[in-house]
Amino acid sequence: MAKKLHLITAVVQRKIGEAVVDAAIKAGATGATFFYAEGTGTRQRLGAAAAQEISGSKRVVFVVTEEAHTDAVFDAVVKAARLDDPGQGFACVQEVLKAVGFLAPRR
């Protein structure tokens, strides 16, 4: 029976994207896919002071995990990206219904 997989998606400040990927891997992820993006909305909602602190340049990180590793990897991503702080980014977990090519962690 195939293991249940989850997709963690994180939109983080571009300058800390590499640290987020490293944290995910240390927490049990087997790898990550990322790309760069621009964002808008948060800076405008938080005001002028936040606009100077928060860049519109983002890194979007995708991490596929086995269900057993999801919480640890998600928590590591949240901590590395400081996502509990307003305006630092966003992360979510989705169930993967079908997948091919995922390499499970070595046991």
N, C-alpha and C. Protein backbone atom coordinates (compact mmCIF):
# COMPACT_ATOMS: atom_id res chain seq x y z
N MET A 1 0.85 -1.19 0.00
CA MET A 1 0.00 0.00 0.00
C MET A 1 0.89 1.25 0.00
N ALA A 2 0.54 2.20 -0.83
CA ALA A 2 1.32 3.42 -0.95
C ALA A 2 1.14 4.30 0.29
N LYS A 3 2.20 4.98 0.66
CA LYS A 3 2.15 5.91 1.79
C LYS A 3 1.38 7.15 1.38
N LYS A 4 0.69 7.75 2.34
CA LYS A 4 -0.02 9.00 2.09
C LYS A 4 1.01 10.13 2.01
N LEU A 5 0.86 10.97 0.99
CA LEU A 5 1.78 12.08 0.78
C LEU A 5 1.08 13.42 1.00
N HIS A 6 1.87 14.41 1.40
CA HIS A 6 1.38 15.77 1.56
C HIS A 6 2.29 16.72 0.79
N LEU A 7 1.72 17.80 0.31
CA LEU A 7 2.47 18.87 -0.33
C LEU A 7 2.45 20.08 0.60
N ILE A 8 3.62 20.50 1.03
CA ILE A 8 3.75 21.73 1.81
C ILE A 8 4.13 22.83 0.83
N THR A 9 3.36 23.88 0.80
CA THR A 9 3.65 25.05 -0.03
C THR A 9 3.93 26.21 0.90
N ALA A 10 5.07 26.85 0.69
CA ALA A 10 5.43 28.01 1.51
C ALA A 10 5.83 29.16 0.60
N VAL A 11 5.28 30.33 0.89
CA VAL A 11 5.66 31.56 0.21
C VAL A 11 6.40 32.38 1.25
N VAL A 12 7.71 32.57 1.02
CA VAL A 12 8.56 33.19 2.04
C VAL A 12 9.36 34.35 1.44
N GLN A 13 9.95 35.14 2.31
CA GLN A 13 10.81 36.22 1.84
C GLN A 13 11.98 35.61 1.07
N ARG A 14 12.27 36.15 -0.08
CA ARG A 14 13.28 35.59 -0.97
C ARG A 14 14.64 35.42 -0.28
N LYS A 15 15.03 36.38 0.54
CA LYS A 15 16.36 36.36 1.14
C LYS A 15 16.56 35.21 2.13
N ILE A 16 15.48 34.61 2.63
CA ILE A 16 15.63 33.50 3.57
C ILE A 16 15.17 32.17 2.98
N GLY A 17 14.91 32.15 1.70
CA GLY A 17 14.42 30.94 1.05
C GLY A 17 15.34 29.74 1.20
N GLU A 18 16.64 29.96 1.07
CA GLU A 18 17.59 28.85 1.19
C GLU A 18 17.57 28.26 2.60
N ALA A 19 17.45 29.11 3.60
CA ALA A 19 17.37 28.64 4.99
C ALA A 19 16.10 27.81 5.22
N VAL A 20 15.03 28.18 4.55
CA VAL A 20 13.77 27.44 4.66
C VAL A 20 13.92 26.05 4.05
N VAL A 21 14.52 25.98 2.88
CA VAL A 21 14.76 24.68 2.23
C VAL A 21 15.66 23.81 3.11
N ASP A 22 16.74 24.38 3.63
CA ASP A 22 17.65 23.64 4.51
C ASP A 22 16.93 23.12 5.75
N ALA A 23 16.07 23.93 6.35
CA ALA A 23 15.33 23.52 7.54
C ALA A 23 14.38 22.37 7.21
N ALA A 24 13.73 22.43 6.06
CA ALA A 24 12.82 21.36 5.65
C ALA A 24 13.58 20.03 5.50
N ILE A 25 14.73 20.09 4.88
CA ILE A 25 15.52 18.88 4.67
C ILE A 25 16.03 18.33 6.00
N LYS A 26 16.50 19.18 6.88
CA LYS A 26 16.95 18.74 8.21
C LYS A 26 15.83 18.09 9.00
N ALA A 27 14.59 18.53 8.76
CA ALA A 27 13.43 18.00 9.49
C ALA A 27 12.87 16.72 8.88
N GLY A 28 13.45 16.26 7.75
CA GLY A 28 13.00 14.99 7.19
C GLY A 28 12.54 15.02 5.75
N ALA A 29 12.48 16.18 5.12
CA ALA A 29 12.10 16.25 3.71
C ALA A 29 13.23 15.66 2.87
N THR A 30 12.87 15.04 1.75
CA THR A 30 13.90 14.46 0.88
C THR A 30 14.38 15.46 -0.17
N GLY A 31 13.73 16.59 -0.27
CA GLY A 31 14.12 17.61 -1.23
C GLY A 31 13.05 18.68 -1.30
N ALA A 32 13.28 19.65 -2.17
CA ALA A 32 12.32 20.74 -2.32
C ALA A 32 12.44 21.29 -3.74
N THR A 33 11.36 21.86 -4.22
CA THR A 33 11.34 22.58 -5.49
C THR A 33 10.97 24.01 -5.16
N PHE A 34 11.64 24.97 -5.78
CA PHE A 34 11.31 26.36 -5.50
C PHE A 34 11.41 27.20 -6.76
N PHE A 35 10.73 28.32 -6.72
CA PHE A 35 10.83 29.31 -7.78
C PHE A 35 10.60 30.68 -7.17
N TYR A 36 10.94 31.70 -7.92
CA TYR A 36 10.82 33.07 -7.44
C TYR A 36 9.53 33.69 -7.95
N ALA A 37 8.97 34.57 -7.13
CA ALA A 37 7.71 35.21 -7.47
C ALA A 37 7.67 36.60 -6.85
N GLU A 38 6.74 37.38 -7.29
CA GLU A 38 6.47 38.70 -6.72
C GLU A 38 5.12 38.63 -6.04
N GLY A 39 4.98 39.36 -4.94
CA GLY A 39 3.72 39.36 -4.23
C GLY A 39 3.27 40.78 -3.90
N THR A 40 2.00 40.90 -3.65
CA THR A 40 1.44 42.19 -3.27
C THR A 40 0.27 41.95 -2.32
N GLY A 41 -0.07 42.96 -1.56
CA GLY A 41 -1.22 42.87 -0.67
C GLY A 41 -0.85 43.03 0.78
N THR A 42 0.08 42.23 1.26
CA THR A 42 0.45 42.27 2.67
C THR A 42 1.06 43.61 3.04
N ARG A 43 2.01 44.08 2.23
CA ARG A 43 2.65 45.36 2.53
C ARG A 43 1.63 46.48 2.56
N GLN A 44 0.68 46.46 1.64
CA GLN A 44 -0.33 47.50 1.58
C GLN A 44 -1.26 47.43 2.80
N ARG A 45 -1.58 46.23 3.23
CA ARG A 45 -2.49 46.05 4.37
C ARG A 45 -1.83 46.40 5.70
N LEU A 46 -0.51 46.18 5.81
CA LEU A 46 0.18 46.43 7.07
C LEU A 46 0.68 47.86 7.21
N GLY A 47 0.68 48.63 6.12
CA GLY A 47 1.04 50.03 6.20
C GLY A 47 2.44 50.36 5.76
N ALA A 48 2.76 51.64 5.79
CA ALA A 48 4.02 52.17 5.26
C ALA A 48 5.24 51.61 5.98
N ALA A 49 5.18 51.46 7.29
CA ALA A 49 6.33 50.93 8.03
C ALA A 49 6.64 49.51 7.58
N ALA A 50 5.62 48.70 7.39
CA ALA A 50 5.81 47.32 6.96
C ALA A 50 6.34 47.26 5.53
N ALA A 51 5.93 48.19 4.70
CA ALA A 51 6.36 48.19 3.30
C ALA A 51 7.88 48.30 3.20
N GLN A 52 8.51 48.97 4.13
CA GLN A 52 9.97 49.08 4.11
C GLN A 52 10.64 47.82 4.62
N GLU A 53 9.96 47.07 5.48
CA GLU A 53 10.52 45.86 6.08
C GLU A 53 10.26 44.60 5.24
N ILE A 54 9.19 44.61 4.45
CA ILE A 54 8.77 43.40 3.74
C ILE A 54 8.98 43.60 2.24
N SER A 55 9.75 42.73 1.66
CA SER A 55 10.02 42.79 0.22
C SER A 55 8.88 42.13 -0.54
N GLY A 56 8.62 42.61 -1.74
CA GLY A 56 7.64 41.97 -2.60
C GLY A 56 8.22 40.75 -3.30
N SER A 57 9.53 40.57 -3.21
CA SER A 57 10.22 39.45 -3.85
C SER A 57 10.14 38.21 -2.95
N LYS A 58 9.59 37.15 -3.48
CA LYS A 58 9.32 35.94 -2.68
C LYS A 58 10.00 34.71 -3.29
N ARG A 59 10.12 33.70 -2.48
CA ARG A 59 10.49 32.37 -2.95
C ARG A 59 9.33 31.46 -2.59
N VAL A 60 8.82 30.73 -3.56
CA VAL A 60 7.76 29.76 -3.33
C VAL A 60 8.44 28.40 -3.27
N VAL A 61 8.20 27.69 -2.17
CA VAL A 61 8.86 26.41 -1.92
C VAL A 61 7.80 25.31 -1.87
N PHE A 62 8.02 24.26 -2.64
CA PHE A 62 7.17 23.06 -2.61
C PHE A 62 7.98 21.93 -1.98
N VAL A 63 7.39 21.26 -1.01
CA VAL A 63 8.02 20.11 -0.37
C VAL A 63 6.98 19.00 -0.29
N VAL A 64 7.30 17.84 -0.84
CA VAL A 64 6.43 16.67 -0.72
C VAL A 64 6.98 15.80 0.40
N THR A 65 6.11 15.41 1.32
CA THR A 65 6.53 14.58 2.44
C THR A 65 5.59 13.41 2.61
N GLU A 66 6.11 12.34 3.21
CA GLU A 66 5.23 11.29 3.68
C GLU A 66 4.50 11.84 4.90
N GLU A 67 3.30 11.36 5.11
CA GLU A 67 2.46 11.87 6.19
C GLU A 67 3.19 11.88 7.54
N ALA A 68 3.98 10.89 7.81
CA ALA A 68 4.68 10.79 9.10
C ALA A 68 5.67 11.94 9.33
N HIS A 69 6.14 12.58 8.25
CA HIS A 69 7.12 13.67 8.37
C HIS A 69 6.50 15.06 8.22
N THR A 70 5.24 15.13 7.85
CA THR A 70 4.62 16.40 7.51
C THR A 70 4.69 17.43 8.64
N ASP A 71 4.28 17.05 9.83
CA ASP A 71 4.24 18.03 10.93
C ASP A 71 5.63 18.57 11.25
N ALA A 72 6.62 17.69 11.30
CA ALA A 72 7.98 18.14 11.63
C ALA A 72 8.53 19.07 10.55
N VAL A 73 8.30 18.74 9.29
CA VAL A 73 8.79 19.57 8.20
C VAL A 73 8.05 20.90 8.17
N PHE A 74 6.74 20.85 8.31
CA PHE A 74 5.94 22.09 8.32
C PHE A 74 6.39 23.01 9.45
N ASP A 75 6.53 22.47 10.64
CA ASP A 75 6.96 23.28 11.79
C ASP A 75 8.34 23.89 11.55
N ALA A 76 9.25 23.14 10.93
CA ALA A 76 10.59 23.65 10.64
C ALA A 76 10.52 24.79 9.63
N VAL A 77 9.67 24.67 8.63
CA VAL A 77 9.49 25.73 7.63
C VAL A 77 8.93 26.98 8.29
N VAL A 78 7.91 26.82 9.12
CA VAL A 78 7.30 27.96 9.81
C VAL A 78 8.33 28.68 10.67
N LYS A 79 9.13 27.93 11.40
CA LYS A 79 10.14 28.53 12.27
C LYS A 79 11.23 29.23 11.45
N ALA A 80 11.76 28.57 10.43
CA ALA A 80 12.85 29.14 9.63
C ALA A 80 12.42 30.42 8.92
N ALA A 81 11.16 30.47 8.48
CA ALA A 81 10.65 31.63 7.74
C ALA A 81 10.00 32.67 8.66
N ARG A 82 9.93 32.38 9.95
CA ARG A 82 9.26 33.28 10.91
C ARG A 82 7.83 33.59 10.47
N LEU A 83 7.12 32.55 10.05
CA LEU A 83 5.78 32.76 9.51
C LEU A 83 4.75 33.13 10.58
N ASP A 84 5.11 33.01 11.84
CA ASP A 84 4.21 33.47 12.90
C ASP A 84 4.20 34.99 13.01
N ASP A 85 5.19 35.65 12.40
CA ASP A 85 5.26 37.11 12.39
C ASP A 85 4.44 37.65 11.21
N PRO A 86 3.60 38.65 11.43
CA PRO A 86 2.78 39.19 10.33
C PRO A 86 3.64 39.67 9.16
N GLY A 87 3.20 39.32 7.97
CA GLY A 87 3.83 39.80 6.75
C GLY A 87 5.03 39.01 6.28
N GLN A 88 5.39 37.93 6.99
CA GLN A 88 6.59 37.18 6.61
C GLN A 88 6.33 36.13 5.55
N GLY A 89 5.09 35.76 5.35
CA GLY A 89 4.79 34.76 4.33
C GLY A 89 3.60 33.92 4.70
N PHE A 90 3.51 32.78 4.03
CA PHE A 90 2.34 31.92 4.13
C PHE A 90 2.79 30.48 3.90
N ALA A 91 2.14 29.54 4.57
CA ALA A 91 2.40 28.12 4.30
C ALA A 91 1.11 27.34 4.49
N CYS A 92 0.99 26.27 3.74
CA CYS A 92 -0.17 25.40 3.89
C CYS A 92 0.22 23.97 3.53
N VAL A 93 -0.62 23.04 3.92
CA VAL A 93 -0.41 21.62 3.63
C VAL A 93 -1.63 21.12 2.86
N GLN A 94 -1.34 20.39 1.78
CA GLN A 94 -2.41 19.78 1.00
C GLN A 94 -2.14 18.29 0.86
N GLU A 95 -3.21 17.51 0.82
CA GLU A 95 -3.08 16.09 0.58
C GLU A 95 -2.80 15.86 -0.91
N VAL A 96 -1.87 14.98 -1.20
CA VAL A 96 -1.55 14.63 -2.58
C VAL A 96 -2.39 13.41 -2.95
N LEU A 97 -3.23 13.55 -3.96
CA LEU A 97 -4.11 12.46 -4.35
C LEU A 97 -3.43 11.44 -5.25
N LYS A 98 -2.60 11.93 -6.15
CA LYS A 98 -1.84 11.05 -7.05
C LYS A 98 -0.46 11.65 -7.24
N ALA A 99 0.54 10.79 -7.36
CA ALA A 99 1.90 11.28 -7.59
C ALA A 99 2.73 10.19 -8.24
N VAL A 100 3.73 10.62 -8.96
CA VAL A 100 4.70 9.69 -9.54
C VAL A 100 6.08 10.34 -9.41
N GLY A 101 7.07 9.55 -9.11
CA GLY A 101 8.44 10.06 -9.05
C GLY A 101 8.92 10.46 -7.68
N PHE A 102 8.09 10.35 -6.65
CA PHE A 102 8.52 10.73 -5.31
C PHE A 102 9.48 9.67 -4.76
N LEU A 103 10.63 10.11 -4.31
CA LEU A 103 11.60 9.21 -3.70
C LEU A 103 11.46 9.29 -2.19
N ALA A 104 11.00 8.21 -1.61
CA ALA A 104 10.80 8.16 -0.15
C ALA A 104 12.13 8.22 0.57
N PRO A 105 12.12 8.68 1.81
CA PRO A 105 13.36 8.70 2.59
C PRO A 105 13.92 7.30 2.75
N ARG A 106 15.25 7.23 2.81
CA ARG A 106 15.88 5.92 3.08
C ARG A 106 15.58 5.51 4.50
N ARG A 107 15.39 4.28 4.69
CA ARG A 107 15.06 3.76 6.03
C ARG A 107 16.25 3.04 6.61
